[in-house]
Amino acid sequence: MTEDATEAVRDNPSAHRYELTVDGHVAFIAYKPMPDGLVFVHTEVPEALGGRGVGGRLVSGALTDMRRRGLKVRPDCSFVAAYAERHPEFNDVIVGR
């Protein structure tokens, strides 16, 4: 995939999730609102996309968008929490760990 993750990952507010479409499959992070941002509650990557780094690109793109919007993320999803632990460059966006 040649697109930059921050361009390919998009917020779909009507579905309450961030999405990344790869090869016709949609990976997503479901969220719910909190006063100063969003709670990321579940990440799902279709089996067909497993092992290709799609989940990491999805989380990176979503966190980058949240930073751009001046909002915070509480990672209730274990996948997002683990990603944030491995990527301290997003510490400014993450709350409630």
C-alpha atoms as a PDB file:
ATOM      1  CA  MET A   1       0.000   0.000   0.000  1.00  0.00           C
ATOM      2  CA  THR A   2       1.512   3.291  -1.031  1.00  0.00           C
ATOM      3  CA  GLU A   3      -0.755   5.688   0.877  1.00  0.00           C
ATOM      4  CA  ASP A   4       0.536   7.328   4.026  1.00  0.00           C
ATOM      5  CA  ALA A   5      -1.285   5.871   7.061  1.00  0.00           C
ATOM      6  CA  THR A   6      -2.439   9.284   8.267  1.00  0.00           C
ATOM      7  CA  GLU A   7      -4.162   9.887   4.911  1.00  0.00           C
ATOM      8  CA  ALA A   8      -5.693   6.421   4.552  1.00  0.00           C
ATOM      9  CA  VAL A   9      -7.072   6.212   8.103  1.00  0.00           C
ATOM     10  CA  ARG A  10     -10.341   8.082   8.378  1.00  0.00           C
ATOM     11  CA  ASP A  11     -12.783   8.900  11.114  1.00  0.00           C
ATOM     12  CA  ASN A  12     -16.291   7.578  10.475  1.00  0.00           C
ATOM     13  CA  PRO A  13     -18.292   9.418  13.159  1.00  0.00           C
ATOM     14  CA  SER A  14     -21.633   7.919  12.123  1.00  0.00           C
ATOM     15  CA  ALA A  15     -20.238   4.437  12.865  1.00  0.00           C
ATOM     16  CA  HIS A  16     -18.202   5.626  15.903  1.00  0.00           C
ATOM     17  CA  ARG A  17     -14.947   4.280  14.548  1.00  0.00           C
ATOM     18  CA  TYR A  18     -11.697   4.978  12.748  1.00  0.00           C
ATOM     19  CA  GLU A  19     -11.289   2.900   9.585  1.00  0.00           C
ATOM     20  CA  LEU A  20      -8.520   1.765   7.267  1.00  0.00           C
ATOM     21  CA  THR A  21      -9.456  -0.043   4.050  1.00  0.00           C
ATOM     22  CA  VAL A  22      -6.837  -2.366   2.568  1.00  0.00           C
ATOM     23  CA  ASP A  23      -7.471  -4.683  -0.379  1.00  0.00           C
ATOM     24  CA  GLY A  24     -11.238  -4.281   0.041  1.00  0.00           C
ATOM     25  CA  HIS A  25     -11.179  -5.191   3.746  1.00  0.00           C
ATOM     26  CA  VAL A  26     -11.918  -2.685   6.519  1.00  0.00           C
ATOM     27  CA  ALA A  27      -9.937  -2.645   9.759  1.00  0.00           C
ATOM     28  CA  PHE A  28     -11.352  -0.398  12.476  1.00  0.00           C
ATOM     29  CA  ILE A  29     -11.052   1.010  15.972  1.00  0.00           C
ATOM     30  CA  ALA A  30     -14.437   1.444  17.657  1.00  0.00           C
ATOM     31  CA  TYR A  31     -14.714   4.380  20.033  1.00  0.00           C
ATOM     32  CA  LYS A  32     -17.014   6.214  22.389  1.00  0.00           C
ATOM     33  CA  PRO A  33     -16.842   9.876  23.385  1.00  0.00           C
ATOM     34  CA  MET A  34     -15.359  11.278  26.569  1.00  0.00           C
ATOM     35  CA  PRO A  35     -15.255  14.969  27.564  1.00  0.00           C
ATOM     36  CA  ASP A  36     -11.833  15.797  26.071  1.00  0.00           C
ATOM     37  CA  GLY A  37     -11.577  13.134  23.357  1.00  0.00           C
ATOM     38  CA  LEU A  38     -12.378   9.507  22.673  1.00  0.00           C
ATOM     39  CA  VAL A  39     -12.160   6.142  24.406  1.00  0.00           C
ATOM     40  CA  PHE A  40     -10.818   3.532  21.985  1.00  0.00           C
ATOM     41  CA  VAL A  41     -12.717   0.400  23.005  1.00  0.00           C
ATOM     42  CA  HIS A  42     -12.018  -2.252  20.361  1.00  0.00           C
ATOM     43  CA  THR A  43      -9.721  -2.809  17.391  1.00  0.00           C
ATOM     44  CA  GLU A  44     -10.572  -5.290  14.668  1.00  0.00           C
ATOM     45  CA  VAL A  45      -8.371  -6.314  11.744  1.00  0.00           C
ATOM     46  CA  PRO A  46      -9.848  -8.819   9.290  1.00  0.00           C
ATOM     47  CA  GLU A  47      -8.041 -12.159   9.252  1.00  0.00           C
ATOM     48  CA  ALA A  48      -7.131 -11.627   5.584  1.00  0.00           C
ATOM     49  CA  LEU A  49      -5.006  -8.609   6.626  1.00  0.00           C
ATOM     50  CA  GLY A  50      -3.286 -10.256   9.590  1.00  0.00           C
ATOM     51  CA  GLY A  51       0.480 -10.012   9.873  1.00  0.00           C
ATOM     52  CA  ARG A  52       0.768  -7.062   7.481  1.00  0.00           C
ATOM     53  CA  GLY A  53       1.052  -4.222   9.994  1.00  0.00           C
ATOM     54  CA  VAL A  54      -2.443  -2.962   9.243  1.00  0.00           C
ATOM     55  CA  GLY A  55      -3.379  -2.682  12.927  1.00  0.00           C
ATOM     56  CA  GLY A  56      -0.315  -0.581  13.671  1.00  0.00           C
ATOM     57  CA  ARG A  57      -0.969   1.715  10.710  1.00  0.00           C
ATOM     58  CA  LEU A  58      -4.579   2.076  11.829  1.00  0.00           C
ATOM     59  CA  VAL A  59      -3.655   3.031  15.397  1.00  0.00           C
ATOM     60  CA  SER A  60      -0.887   5.377  14.271  1.00  0.00           C
ATOM     61  CA  GLY A  61      -3.207   7.157  11.861  1.00  0.00           C
ATOM     62  CA  ALA A  62      -5.997   7.469  14.435  1.00  0.00           C
ATOM     63  CA  LEU A  63      -3.652   8.809  17.133  1.00  0.00           C
ATOM     64  CA  THR A  64      -2.107  11.254  14.658  1.00  0.00           C
ATOM     65  CA  ASP A  65      -5.583  12.522  13.750  1.00  0.00           C
ATOM     66  CA  MET A  66      -6.522  12.901  17.414  1.00  0.00           C
ATOM     67  CA  ARG A  67      -3.336  14.921  18.025  1.00  0.00           C
ATOM     68  CA  ARG A  68      -4.102  17.133  15.025  1.00  0.00           C
ATOM     69  CA  ARG A  69      -7.589  17.757  16.437  1.00  0.00           C
ATOM     70  CA  GLY A  70      -6.199  18.566  19.913  1.00  0.00           C
ATOM     71  CA  LEU A  71      -8.037  15.639  21.517  1.00  0.00           C
ATOM     72  CA  LYS A  72      -7.021  12.860  23.915  1.00  0.00           C
ATOM     73  CA  VAL A  73      -7.402   9.082  23.724  1.00  0.00           C
ATOM     74  CA  ARG A  74      -8.068   6.665  26.567  1.00  0.00           C
ATOM     75  CA  PRO A  75      -6.955   3.241  25.290  1.00  0.00           C
ATOM     76  CA  ASP A  76      -9.415   0.791  26.845  1.00  0.00           C
ATOM     77  CA  CYS A  77      -8.618  -1.524  23.913  1.00  0.00           C
ATOM     78  CA  SER A  78      -5.642  -3.742  24.785  1.00  0.00           C
ATOM     79  CA  PHE A  79      -4.252  -3.524  21.231  1.00  0.00           C
ATOM     80  CA  VAL A  80      -4.208   0.291  21.302  1.00  0.00           C
ATOM     81  CA  ALA A  81      -2.775   0.304  24.841  1.00  0.00           C
ATOM     82  CA  ALA A  82       0.049  -2.058  23.811  1.00  0.00           C
ATOM     83  CA  TYR A  83       0.765   0.059  20.721  1.00  0.00           C
ATOM     84  CA  ALA A  84       0.926   3.221  22.850  1.00  0.00           C
ATOM     85  CA  GLU A  85       3.361   1.529  25.250  1.00  0.00           C
ATOM     86  CA  ARG A  86       5.682   0.702  22.340  1.00  0.00           C
ATOM     87  CA  HIS A  87       5.354   4.190  20.806  1.00  0.00           C
ATOM     88  CA  PRO A  88       6.050   6.872  23.439  1.00  0.00           C
ATOM     89  CA  GLU A  89       5.913   9.522  20.709  1.00  0.00           C
ATOM     90  CA  PHE A  90       2.138   9.435  21.277  1.00  0.00           C
ATOM     91  CA  ASN A  91       2.322  10.052  25.064  1.00  0.00           C
ATOM     92  CA  ASP A  92       0.893  13.555  24.531  1.00  0.00           C
ATOM     93  CA  VAL A  93      -2.329  12.053  23.153  1.00  0.00           C
ATOM     94  CA  ILE A  94      -2.793   9.117  25.574  1.00  0.00           C
ATOM     95  CA  VAL A  95      -4.537   9.503  28.936  1.00  0.00           C
ATOM     96  CA  GLY A  96      -5.677   7.109  31.657  1.00  0.00           C
ATOM     97  CA  ARG A  97      -3.003   4.430  31.443  1.00  0.00           C
END
